[in-house]
Each structure stands twice: as C-alpha cells, then as structure tokens.
All heavy atoms as atom14 arrays in JSON, in Angstrom:
{
  "sequence": "VIILRVGHLRGCAYELQQHRRLALRRGVDDHTQAEVFAWPNAEKVS",
  "atom14_mask": [
    [1, 1, 1, 1, 1, 1, 1, 0, 0, 0, 0, 0, 0, 0],
    [1, 1, 1, 1, 1, 1, 1, 1, 0, 0, 0, 0, 0, 0],
    [1, 1, 1, 1, 1, 1, 1, 1, 0, 0, 0, 0, 0, 0],
    [1, 1, 1, 1, 1, 1, 1, 1, 0, 0, 0, 0, 0, 0],
    [1, 1, 1, 1, 1, 1, 1, 1, 1, 1, 1, 0, 0, 0],
    [1, 1, 1, 1, 1, 1, 1, 0, 0, 0, 0, 0, 0, 0],
    [1, 1, 1, 1, 0, 0, 0, 0, 0, 0, 0, 0, 0, 0],
    [1, 1, 1, 1, 1, 1, 1, 1, 1, 1, 0, 0, 0, 0],
    [1, 1, 1, 1, 1, 1, 1, 1, 0, 0, 0, 0, 0, 0],
    [1, 1, 1, 1, 1, 1, 1, 1, 1, 1, 1, 0, 0, 0],
    [1, 1, 1, 1, 0, 0, 0, 0, 0, 0, 0, 0, 0, 0],
    [1, 1, 1, 1, 1, 1, 0, 0, 0, 0, 0, 0, 0, 0],
    [1, 1, 1, 1, 1, 0, 0, 0, 0, 0, 0, 0, 0, 0],
    [1, 1, 1, 1, 1, 1, 1, 1, 1, 1, 1, 1, 0, 0],
    [1, 1, 1, 1, 1, 1, 1, 1, 1, 0, 0, 0, 0, 0],
    [1, 1, 1, 1, 1, 1, 1, 1, 0, 0, 0, 0, 0, 0],
    [1, 1, 1, 1, 1, 1, 1, 1, 1, 0, 0, 0, 0, 0],
    [1, 1, 1, 1, 1, 1, 1, 1, 1, 0, 0, 0, 0, 0],
    [1, 1, 1, 1, 1, 1, 1, 1, 1, 1, 0, 0, 0, 0],
    [1, 1, 1, 1, 1, 1, 1, 1, 1, 1, 1, 0, 0, 0],
    [1, 1, 1, 1, 1, 1, 1, 1, 1, 1, 1, 0, 0, 0],
    [1, 1, 1, 1, 1, 1, 1, 1, 0, 0, 0, 0, 0, 0],
    [1, 1, 1, 1, 1, 0, 0, 0, 0, 0, 0, 0, 0, 0],
    [1, 1, 1, 1, 1, 1, 1, 1, 0, 0, 0, 0, 0, 0],
    [1, 1, 1, 1, 1, 1, 1, 1, 1, 1, 1, 0, 0, 0],
    [1, 1, 1, 1, 1, 1, 1, 1, 1, 1, 1, 0, 0, 0],
    [1, 1, 1, 1, 0, 0, 0, 0, 0, 0, 0, 0, 0, 0],
    [1, 1, 1, 1, 1, 1, 1, 0, 0, 0, 0, 0, 0, 0],
    [1, 1, 1, 1, 1, 1, 1, 1, 0, 0, 0, 0, 0, 0],
    [1, 1, 1, 1, 1, 1, 1, 1, 0, 0, 0, 0, 0, 0],
    [1, 1, 1, 1, 1, 1, 1, 1, 1, 1, 0, 0, 0, 0],
    [1, 1, 1, 1, 1, 1, 1, 0, 0, 0, 0, 0, 0, 0],
    [1, 1, 1, 1, 1, 1, 1, 1, 1, 0, 0, 0, 0, 0],
    [1, 1, 1, 1, 1, 0, 0, 0, 0, 0, 0, 0, 0, 0],
    [1, 1, 1, 1, 1, 1, 1, 1, 1, 0, 0, 0, 0, 0],
    [1, 1, 1, 1, 1, 1, 1, 0, 0, 0, 0, 0, 0, 0],
    [1, 1, 1, 1, 1, 1, 1, 1, 1, 1, 1, 0, 0, 0],
    [1, 1, 1, 1, 1, 0, 0, 0, 0, 0, 0, 0, 0, 0],
    [1, 1, 1, 1, 1, 1, 1, 1, 1, 1, 1, 1, 1, 1],
    [1, 1, 1, 1, 1, 1, 1, 0, 0, 0, 0, 0, 0, 0],
    [1, 1, 1, 1, 1, 1, 1, 1, 0, 0, 0, 0, 0, 0],
    [1, 1, 1, 1, 1, 0, 0, 0, 0, 0, 0, 0, 0, 0],
    [1, 1, 1, 1, 1, 1, 1, 1, 1, 0, 0, 0, 0, 0],
    [1, 1, 1, 1, 1, 1, 1, 1, 1, 0, 0, 0, 0, 0],
    [1, 1, 1, 1, 1, 1, 1, 0, 0, 0, 0, 0, 0, 0],
    [1, 1, 1, 1, 1, 1, 0, 0, 0, 0, 0, 0, 0, 0]
  ],
  "atom14_positions": [
    [[-149.91, -64.47, 18.44], [-150.04, -63.17, 19.11], [-151.49, -62.69, 19.01], [-152.08, -62.21, 19.99], [-149.07, -62.14, 18.49], [-149.44, -60.71, 18.9], [-147.64, -62.44, 18.92], [0.0, 0.0, 0.0], [0.0, 0.0, 0.0], [0.0, 0.0, 0.0], [0.0, 0.0, 0.0], [0.0, 0.0, 0.0], [0.0, 0.0, 0.0], [0.0, 0.0, 0.0]],
    [[-152.08, -62.82, 17.84], [-153.47, -62.4, 17.62], [-154.42, -63.22, 18.5], [-155.29, -62.68, 19.2], [-153.84, -62.56, 16.14], [-153.04, -61.56, 15.29], [-155.35, -62.38, 15.92], [-153.03, -61.89, 13.8], [0.0, 0.0, 0.0], [0.0, 0.0, 0.0], [0.0, 0.0, 0.0], [0.0, 0.0, 0.0], [0.0, 0.0, 0.0], [0.0, 0.0, 0.0]],
    [[-154.27, -64.54, 18.49], [-155.18, -65.41, 19.24], [-155.04, -65.18, 20.75], [-156.04, -65.12, 21.47], [-154.9, -66.89, 18.89], [-155.25, -67.15, 17.42], [-155.7, -67.81, 19.8], [-154.75, -68.48, 16.9], [0.0, 0.0, 0.0], [0.0, 0.0, 0.0], [0.0, 0.0, 0.0], [0.0, 0.0, 0.0], [0.0, 0.0, 0.0], [0.0, 0.0, 0.0]],
    [[-153.82, -65.02, 21.22], [-153.62, -64.77, 22.65], [-154.27, -63.46, 23.08], [-154.85, -63.36, 24.16], [-152.13, -64.76, 22.98], [-151.41, -66.11, 22.96], [-149.91, -65.91, 23.15], [-151.96, -67.04, 24.05], [0.0, 0.0, 0.0], [0.0, 0.0, 0.0], [0.0, 0.0, 0.0], [0.0, 0.0, 0.0], [0.0, 0.0, 0.0], [0.0, 0.0, 0.0]],
    [[-154.14, -62.45, 22.24], [-154.75, -61.16, 22.59], [-156.27, -61.26, 22.62], [-156.92, -60.73, 23.53], [-154.3, -60.08, 21.59], [-154.78, -58.67, 21.94], [-154.24, -58.2, 23.28], [-154.78, -56.89, 23.65], [-154.61, -56.32, 24.84], [-153.9, -56.95, 25.77], [-155.12, -55.15, 25.1], [0.0, 0.0, 0.0], [0.0, 0.0, 0.0], [0.0, 0.0, 0.0]],
    [[-156.85, -61.97, 21.65], [-158.3, -62.15, 21.65], [-158.74, -62.91, 22.89], [-159.68, -62.52, 23.59], [-158.77, -62.89, 20.37], [-160.25, -63.23, 20.47], [-158.51, -62.05, 19.14], [0.0, 0.0, 0.0], [0.0, 0.0, 0.0], [0.0, 0.0, 0.0], [0.0, 0.0, 0.0], [0.0, 0.0, 0.0], [0.0, 0.0, 0.0], [0.0, 0.0, 0.0]],
    [[-158.04, -64.01, 23.2], [-158.39, -64.8, 24.38], [-158.31, -63.99, 25.65], [-159.13, -64.13, 26.55], [0.0, 0.0, 0.0], [0.0, 0.0, 0.0], [0.0, 0.0, 0.0], [0.0, 0.0, 0.0], [0.0, 0.0, 0.0], [0.0, 0.0, 0.0], [0.0, 0.0, 0.0], [0.0, 0.0, 0.0], [0.0, 0.0, 0.0], [0.0, 0.0, 0.0]],
    [[-157.28, -63.12, 25.73], [-157.11, -62.27, 26.9], [-158.25, -61.26, 27.01], [-158.84, -61.09, 28.09], [-155.77, -61.56, 26.81], [-155.54, -60.55, 27.89], [-155.32, -60.89, 29.21], [-155.51, -59.18, 27.85], [-155.16, -59.79, 29.93], [-155.27, -58.75, 29.13], [0.0, 0.0, 0.0], [0.0, 0.0, 0.0], [0.0, 0.0, 0.0], [0.0, 0.0, 0.0]],
    [[-158.57, -60.6, 25.91], [-159.63, -59.6, 25.93], [-160.99, -60.21, 26.25], [-161.83, -59.58, 26.9], [-159.7, -58.86, 24.59], [-158.53, -57.95, 24.25], [-158.69, -57.39, 22.84], [-158.4, -56.81, 25.26], [0.0, 0.0, 0.0], [0.0, 0.0, 0.0], [0.0, 0.0, 0.0], [0.0, 0.0, 0.0], [0.0, 0.0, 0.0], [0.0, 0.0, 0.0]],
    [[-161.21, -61.43, 25.79], [-162.51, -62.08, 25.99], [-162.56, -62.88, 27.29], [-163.58, -63.49, 27.6], [-162.84, -63.0, 24.82], [-162.84, -62.3, 23.46], [-163.67, -61.04, 23.44], [-165.1, -61.31, 23.53], [-166.02, -60.4, 23.79], [-165.67, -59.15, 24.0], [-167.28, -60.73, 23.85], [0.0, 0.0, 0.0], [0.0, 0.0, 0.0], [0.0, 0.0, 0.0]],
    [[-161.47, -62.88, 28.05], [-161.47, -63.61, 29.32], [-161.71, -65.09, 29.15], [-162.41, -65.71, 29.96], [0.0, 0.0, 0.0], [0.0, 0.0, 0.0], [0.0, 0.0, 0.0], [0.0, 0.0, 0.0], [0.0, 0.0, 0.0], [0.0, 0.0, 0.0], [0.0, 0.0, 0.0], [0.0, 0.0, 0.0], [0.0, 0.0, 0.0], [0.0, 0.0, 0.0]],
    [[-161.12, -65.68, 28.1], [-161.38, -67.08, 27.76], [-160.21, -67.95, 28.24], [-159.19, -68.06, 27.56], [-161.59, -67.25, 26.26], [-162.07, -68.93, 25.82], [0.0, 0.0, 0.0], [0.0, 0.0, 0.0], [0.0, 0.0, 0.0], [0.0, 0.0, 0.0], [0.0, 0.0, 0.0], [0.0, 0.0, 0.0], [0.0, 0.0, 0.0], [0.0, 0.0, 0.0]],
    [[-160.39, -68.58, 29.39], [-159.31, -69.39, 29.97], [-158.96, -70.57, 29.07], [-157.79, -70.97, 28.99], [-159.73, -69.86, 31.36], [0.0, 0.0, 0.0], [0.0, 0.0, 0.0], [0.0, 0.0, 0.0], [0.0, 0.0, 0.0], [0.0, 0.0, 0.0], [0.0, 0.0, 0.0], [0.0, 0.0, 0.0], [0.0, 0.0, 0.0], [0.0, 0.0, 0.0]],
    [[-159.97, -71.15, 28.39], [-159.69, -72.31, 27.54], [-158.79, -71.93, 26.37], [-157.8, -72.62, 26.08], [-161.0, -72.92, 27.04], [-160.83, -74.29, 26.42], [-161.13, -75.43, 27.14], [-160.36, -74.43, 25.11], [-160.97, -76.7, 26.58], [-160.2, -75.68, 24.55], [-160.51, -76.81, 25.28], [-160.34, -78.06, 24.72], [0.0, 0.0, 0.0], [0.0, 0.0, 0.0]],
    [[-159.11, -70.84, 25.7], [-158.26, -70.4, 24.59], [-156.84, -70.13, 25.08], [-155.87, -70.51, 24.41], [-158.83, -69.14, 23.94], [-159.83, -69.4, 22.86], [-160.3, -68.15, 22.13], [-159.87, -67.03, 22.47], [-161.1, -68.3, 21.2], [0.0, 0.0, 0.0], [0.0, 0.0, 0.0], [0.0, 0.0, 0.0], [0.0, 0.0, 0.0], [0.0, 0.0, 0.0]],
    [[-156.73, -69.48, 26.22], [-155.39, -69.15, 26.72], [-154.63, -70.4, 27.12], [-153.43, -70.51, 26.88], [-155.51, -68.19, 27.9], [-156.05, -66.8, 27.56], [-156.2, -65.96, 28.83], [-155.13, -66.09, 26.57], [0.0, 0.0, 0.0], [0.0, 0.0, 0.0], [0.0, 0.0, 0.0], [0.0, 0.0, 0.0], [0.0, 0.0, 0.0], [0.0, 0.0, 0.0]],
    [[-155.31, -71.38, 27.73], [-154.63, -72.61, 28.09], [-154.06, -73.3, 26.86], [-152.89, -73.72, 26.84], [-155.61, -73.56, 28.8], [-154.98, -74.9, 29.18], [-156.01, -75.99, 29.44], [-156.92, -76.19, 28.63], [-155.88, -76.67, 30.56], [0.0, 0.0, 0.0], [0.0, 0.0, 0.0], [0.0, 0.0, 0.0], [0.0, 0.0, 0.0], [0.0, 0.0, 0.0]],
    [[-154.88, -73.42, 25.82], [-154.43, -74.11, 24.62], [-153.33, -73.33, 23.9], [-152.31, -73.91, 23.48], [-155.62, -74.33, 23.67], [-156.71, -75.23, 24.2], [-156.24, -76.66, 24.34], [-155.24, -77.07, 23.77], [-156.95, -77.44, 25.12], [0.0, 0.0, 0.0], [0.0, 0.0, 0.0], [0.0, 0.0, 0.0], [0.0, 0.0, 0.0], [0.0, 0.0, 0.0]],
    [[-153.53, -72.04, 23.74], [-152.64, -71.29, 22.86], [-151.4, -70.75, 23.56], [-150.43, -70.39, 22.87], [-153.43, -70.21, 22.13], [-154.24, -70.79, 21.02], [-153.72, -71.04, 19.77], [-155.53, -71.23, 20.99], [-154.64, -71.59, 19.01], [-155.75, -71.72, 19.73], [0.0, 0.0, 0.0], [0.0, 0.0, 0.0], [0.0, 0.0, 0.0], [0.0, 0.0, 0.0]],
    [[-151.37, -70.71, 24.87], [-150.11, -70.41, 25.53], [-149.11, -71.52, 25.27], [-147.93, -71.27, 25.03], [-150.31, -70.19, 27.03], [-151.1, -68.94, 27.38], [-150.85, -68.48, 28.79], [-149.5, -67.92, 28.91], [-149.08, -67.2, 29.94], [-149.9, -66.95, 30.95], [-147.86, -66.73, 29.97], [0.0, 0.0, 0.0], [0.0, 0.0, 0.0], [0.0, 0.0, 0.0]],
    [[-149.58, -72.76, 25.27], [-148.69, -73.89, 24.99], [-148.3, -73.92, 23.52], [-147.12, -74.11, 23.18], [-149.39, -75.2, 25.38], [-149.58, -75.37, 26.88], [-150.19, -76.7, 27.23], [-151.57, -76.8, 26.77], [-152.37, -77.83, 27.05], [-151.95, -78.83, 27.78], [-153.61, -77.85, 26.59], [0.0, 0.0, 0.0], [0.0, 0.0, 0.0], [0.0, 0.0, 0.0]],
    [[-149.28, -73.74, 22.64], [-148.98, -73.77, 21.21], [-148.08, -72.6, 20.83], [-147.17, -72.75, 19.99], [-150.28, -73.73, 20.41], [-150.16, -73.85, 18.89], [-149.42, -75.11, 18.51], [-151.54, -73.81, 18.24], [0.0, 0.0, 0.0], [0.0, 0.0, 0.0], [0.0, 0.0, 0.0], [0.0, 0.0, 0.0], [0.0, 0.0, 0.0], [0.0, 0.0, 0.0]],
    [[-148.29, -71.43, 21.41], [-147.46, -70.27, 21.1], [-146.0, -70.51, 21.48], [-145.09, -70.11, 20.75], [-148.0, -69.04, 21.83], [0.0, 0.0, 0.0], [0.0, 0.0, 0.0], [0.0, 0.0, 0.0], [0.0, 0.0, 0.0], [0.0, 0.0, 0.0], [0.0, 0.0, 0.0], [0.0, 0.0, 0.0], [0.0, 0.0, 0.0], [0.0, 0.0, 0.0]],
    [[-145.77, -71.18, 22.59], [-144.39, -71.5, 22.98], [-143.72, -72.37, 21.92], [-142.56, -72.15, 21.56], [-144.37, -72.21, 24.34], [-144.65, -71.34, 25.57], [-144.77, -72.22, 26.81], [-143.53, -70.31, 25.77], [0.0, 0.0, 0.0], [0.0, 0.0, 0.0], [0.0, 0.0, 0.0], [0.0, 0.0, 0.0], [0.0, 0.0, 0.0], [0.0, 0.0, 0.0]],
    [[-144.45, -73.35, 21.41], [-143.89, -74.22, 20.37], [-143.65, -73.47, 19.07], [-142.8, -73.86, 18.27], [-144.82, -75.41, 20.12], [-144.99, -76.33, 21.32], [-145.39, -77.72, 20.91], [-146.68, -77.79, 20.27], [-147.81, -78.04, 20.93], [-147.81, -78.23, 22.23], [-148.96, -78.1, 20.27], [0.0, 0.0, 0.0], [0.0, 0.0, 0.0], [0.0, 0.0, 0.0]],
    [[-144.38, -72.39, 18.87], [-144.23, -71.61, 17.64], [-143.3, -70.41, 17.8], [-143.22, -69.58, 16.9], [-145.61, -71.15, 17.16], [-146.47, -72.31, 16.65], [-147.84, -71.85, 16.19], [-148.48, -72.86, 15.35], [-149.66, -72.72, 14.74], [-150.34, -71.59, 14.91], [-150.15, -73.68, 14.0], [0.0, 0.0, 0.0], [0.0, 0.0, 0.0], [0.0, 0.0, 0.0]],
    [[-142.63, -70.31, 18.93], [-141.61, -69.28, 19.09], [-142.06, -68.01, 19.8], [-141.31, -67.03, 19.81], [0.0, 0.0, 0.0], [0.0, 0.0, 0.0], [0.0, 0.0, 0.0], [0.0, 0.0, 0.0], [0.0, 0.0, 0.0], [0.0, 0.0, 0.0], [0.0, 0.0, 0.0], [0.0, 0.0, 0.0], [0.0, 0.0, 0.0], [0.0, 0.0, 0.0]],
    [[-143.25, -68.01, 20.39], [-143.71, -66.85, 21.16], [-143.43, -67.18, 22.63], [-144.21, -67.91, 23.26], [-145.2, -66.56, 20.93], [-145.64, -65.32, 21.69], [-145.48, -66.4, 19.44], [0.0, 0.0, 0.0], [0.0, 0.0, 0.0], [0.0, 0.0, 0.0], [0.0, 0.0, 0.0], [0.0, 0.0, 0.0], [0.0, 0.0, 0.0], [0.0, 0.0, 0.0]],
    [[-142.33, -66.68, 23.16], [-141.89, -67.08, 24.49], [-142.74, -66.43, 25.59], [-143.62, -65.6, 25.32], [-140.41, -66.77, 24.69], [-140.07, -65.29, 24.55], [-140.97, -64.44, 24.72], [-138.9, -64.98, 24.25], [0.0, 0.0, 0.0], [0.0, 0.0, 0.0], [0.0, 0.0, 0.0], [0.0, 0.0, 0.0], [0.0, 0.0, 0.0], [0.0, 0.0, 0.0]],
    [[-142.47, -66.81, 26.83], [-143.26, -66.33, 27.96], [-143.19, -64.81, 28.09], [-144.18, -64.16, 28.44], [-142.78, -66.98, 29.26], [-143.19, -68.44, 29.37], [-144.28, -68.78, 28.89], [-142.42, -69.23, 29.95], [0.0, 0.0, 0.0], [0.0, 0.0, 0.0], [0.0, 0.0, 0.0], [0.0, 0.0, 0.0], [0.0, 0.0, 0.0], [0.0, 0.0, 0.0]],
    [[-142.01, -64.23, 27.82], [-141.88, -62.79, 27.94], [-142.76, -62.08, 26.91], [-143.45, -61.1, 27.24], [-140.42, -62.36, 27.76], [-140.24, -60.88, 27.73], [-140.3, -60.09, 28.86], [-140.03, -60.02, 26.69], [-140.13, -58.83, 28.53], [-139.97, -58.76, 27.23], [0.0, 0.0, 0.0], [0.0, 0.0, 0.0], [0.0, 0.0, 0.0], [0.0, 0.0, 0.0]],
    [[-142.74, -62.56, 25.68], [-143.56, -61.95, 24.63], [-145.04, -62.11, 24.96], [-145.84, -61.19, 24.75], [-143.24, -62.56, 23.27], [-141.84, -62.41, 22.99], [-144.05, -61.9, 22.16], [0.0, 0.0, 0.0], [0.0, 0.0, 0.0], [0.0, 0.0, 0.0], [0.0, 0.0, 0.0], [0.0, 0.0, 0.0], [0.0, 0.0, 0.0], [0.0, 0.0, 0.0]],
    [[-145.41, -63.27, 25.48], [-146.81, -63.47, 25.86], [-147.22, -62.48, 26.94], [-148.33, -61.93, 26.9], [-147.01, -64.9, 26.34], [-146.87, -65.95, 25.24], [-147.25, -67.34, 25.7], [-148.1, -67.52, 26.57], [-146.63, -68.36, 25.1], [0.0, 0.0, 0.0], [0.0, 0.0, 0.0], [0.0, 0.0, 0.0], [0.0, 0.0, 0.0], [0.0, 0.0, 0.0]],
    [[-146.35, -62.25, 27.91], [-146.66, -61.28, 28.96], [-146.84, -59.88, 28.38], [-147.71, -59.11, 28.82], [-145.56, -61.28, 30.01], [0.0, 0.0, 0.0], [0.0, 0.0, 0.0], [0.0, 0.0, 0.0], [0.0, 0.0, 0.0], [0.0, 0.0, 0.0], [0.0, 0.0, 0.0], [0.0, 0.0, 0.0], [0.0, 0.0, 0.0], [0.0, 0.0, 0.0]],
    [[-146.05, -59.55, 27.37], [-146.18, -58.25, 26.72], [-147.52, -58.15, 25.96], [-148.15, -57.08, 25.95], [-145.02, -58.03, 25.74], [-143.65, -57.89, 26.4], [-143.49, -56.53, 27.07], [-143.22, -55.55, 26.38], [-143.65, -56.47, 28.31], [0.0, 0.0, 0.0], [0.0, 0.0, 0.0], [0.0, 0.0, 0.0], [0.0, 0.0, 0.0], [0.0, 0.0, 0.0]],
    [[-147.93, -59.24, 25.36], [-149.23, -59.27, 24.67], [-150.36, -58.99, 25.65], [-151.28, -58.21, 25.36], [-149.44, -60.63, 23.97], [-150.89, -60.78, 23.48], [-148.47, -60.8, 22.8], [0.0, 0.0, 0.0], [0.0, 0.0, 0.0], [0.0, 0.0, 0.0], [0.0, 0.0, 0.0], [0.0, 0.0, 0.0], [0.0, 0.0, 0.0], [0.0, 0.0, 0.0]],
    [[-150.28, -59.59, 26.82], [-151.33, -59.4, 27.83], [-151.27, -58.0, 28.45], [-152.29, -57.45, 28.85], [-151.22, -60.45, 28.91], [-151.3, -61.87, 28.41], [-150.53, -62.87, 28.96], [-152.15, -62.19, 27.36], [-150.6, -64.17, 28.5], [-152.23, -63.49, 26.87], [-151.44, -64.49, 27.44], [0.0, 0.0, 0.0], [0.0, 0.0, 0.0], [0.0, 0.0, 0.0]],
    [[-150.07, -57.42, 28.53], [-149.91, -56.1, 29.15], [-150.24, -54.95, 28.2], [-150.4, -53.82, 28.64], [-148.48, -55.93, 29.65], [0.0, 0.0, 0.0], [0.0, 0.0, 0.0], [0.0, 0.0, 0.0], [0.0, 0.0, 0.0], [0.0, 0.0, 0.0], [0.0, 0.0, 0.0], [0.0, 0.0, 0.0], [0.0, 0.0, 0.0], [0.0, 0.0, 0.0]],
    [[-150.32, -55.23, 26.9], [-150.62, -54.19, 25.93], [-151.87, -53.41, 26.34], [-152.81, -54.03, 26.84], [-150.8, -54.83, 24.55], [-151.23, -53.89, 23.49], [-152.49, -53.7, 23.01], [-150.4, -52.97, 22.78], [-152.5, -52.74, 22.04], [-151.22, -52.27, 21.88], [-149.04, -52.68, 22.82], [-150.73, -51.29, 21.03], [-148.54, -51.72, 21.97], [-149.39, -51.03, 21.1]],
    [[-151.91, -52.09, 26.2], [-150.97, -51.19, 25.51], [-149.86, -50.64, 26.41], [-149.18, -49.69, 26.02], [-151.9, -50.05, 25.06], [-152.94, -50.0, 26.13], [-153.16, -51.41, 26.57], [0.0, 0.0, 0.0], [0.0, 0.0, 0.0], [0.0, 0.0, 0.0], [0.0, 0.0, 0.0], [0.0, 0.0, 0.0], [0.0, 0.0, 0.0], [0.0, 0.0, 0.0]],
    [[-149.67, -51.22, 27.59], [-148.6, -50.77, 28.47], [-147.33, -51.59, 28.31], [-146.41, -51.49, 29.12], [-149.08, -50.87, 29.93], [-150.28, -49.97, 30.2], [-150.31, -48.83, 29.75], [-151.27, -50.48, 30.9], [0.0, 0.0, 0.0], [0.0, 0.0, 0.0], [0.0, 0.0, 0.0], [0.0, 0.0, 0.0], [0.0, 0.0, 0.0], [0.0, 0.0, 0.0]],
    [[-147.29, -52.41, 27.26], [-146.09, -53.2, 26.99], [-144.97, -52.3, 26.48], [-145.21, -51.3, 25.82], [-146.41, -54.28, 25.97], [0.0, 0.0, 0.0], [0.0, 0.0, 0.0], [0.0, 0.0, 0.0], [0.0, 0.0, 0.0], [0.0, 0.0, 0.0], [0.0, 0.0, 0.0], [0.0, 0.0, 0.0], [0.0, 0.0, 0.0], [0.0, 0.0, 0.0]],
    [[-143.74, -52.68, 26.79], [-142.59, -51.84, 26.44], [-141.71, -52.44, 25.35], [-140.98, -51.71, 24.69], [-141.74, -51.59, 27.69], [-142.48, -50.82, 28.79], [-141.63, -50.63, 30.02], [-140.51, -51.21, 30.06], [-142.06, -49.91, 30.94], [0.0, 0.0, 0.0], [0.0, 0.0, 0.0], [0.0, 0.0, 0.0], [0.0, 0.0, 0.0], [0.0, 0.0, 0.0]],
    [[-141.77, -53.75, 25.16], [-140.79, -54.38, 24.28], [-141.44, -55.17, 23.16], [-140.94, -56.22, 22.77], [-139.86, -55.29, 25.11], [-139.02, -54.52, 26.13], [-138.06, -55.44, 26.86], [-137.21, -54.65, 27.85], [-136.27, -55.52, 28.6], [0.0, 0.0, 0.0], [0.0, 0.0, 0.0], [0.0, 0.0, 0.0], [0.0, 0.0, 0.0], [0.0, 0.0, 0.0]],
    [[-142.53, -54.67, 22.64], [-143.11, -55.3, 21.46], [-142.56, -54.63, 20.22], [-142.21, -53.45, 20.23], [-144.66, -55.22, 21.48], [-145.23, -56.02, 22.63], [-145.13, -53.79, 21.54], [0.0, 0.0, 0.0], [0.0, 0.0, 0.0], [0.0, 0.0, 0.0], [0.0, 0.0, 0.0], [0.0, 0.0, 0.0], [0.0, 0.0, 0.0], [0.0, 0.0, 0.0]],
    [[-142.48, -55.39, 19.14], [-141.96, -54.84, 17.88], [-143.02, -53.95, 17.24], [-144.2, -53.96, 17.62], [-141.61, -55.98, 16.94], [-142.77, -56.68, 16.53], [0.0, 0.0, 0.0], [0.0, 0.0, 0.0], [0.0, 0.0, 0.0], [0.0, 0.0, 0.0], [0.0, 0.0, 0.0], [0.0, 0.0, 0.0], [0.0, 0.0, 0.0], [0.0, 0.0, 0.0]]
  ]
}
C-alpha cells in the first residue's frame, strides 16, 4: 500500500508496473489498489 501510493504520487510507471503485480500476490486486490490511487477520496479503506 505504501509503495503503490508513493509510485502514484511520483508518477512512476515502472514502480506501479512492478508493484501492482507484486501487491496482487501479497493480497492487495485490484479494488484496494484503486482505493489507494483515489485517496483521499477513497471510501472503503480501513
């Protein structure tokens, strides 16, 4: 979650490419990733 948010804020396509795949393997599903990118307008983050 931390790495995806950093990659999103820094506009780093390489970080996002690598860590979107790794995050899925670690249990951060596509919906949660979308919420990370939508923050602070996300509605369903813990």
